[in-house]
Amino acid sequence: MNYVYLLRCADGSLYCGWTTDLPSRVRAHNAGAGAKYTRSRLPAELVYSEQYEDRHEALSREWHIKQMNHADKEALIQSAGCRRAEE
């Protein structure tokens, strides 16, 4: 499985990435072994993820999310939270 995810860094910024092992990747980020961007902004909290069977779909979605501005990413996070609360 392939995952696209958003992390909220300690400074309030959002980091978008993709992985095949979400729990391990989040741990790696928080251990300082993830992306260079997150190393100086720890801790990082997983706030959003999407799951894809196809790697290319995940990479495409990651690219599209990275094109969003901060407010649109926040709206994406909030909409996912609302869906979870309704389930």
Foldseek 3Di string as FASTA:
>chain_A
DKKWWWKQFQVRDIDIDMDPDVVVQLVCLQVLNHDPVSNVGDDIHTQDMDDDPDPVVNVVVSVVLVVDDPVVVVVVSVVVVVVVVVD
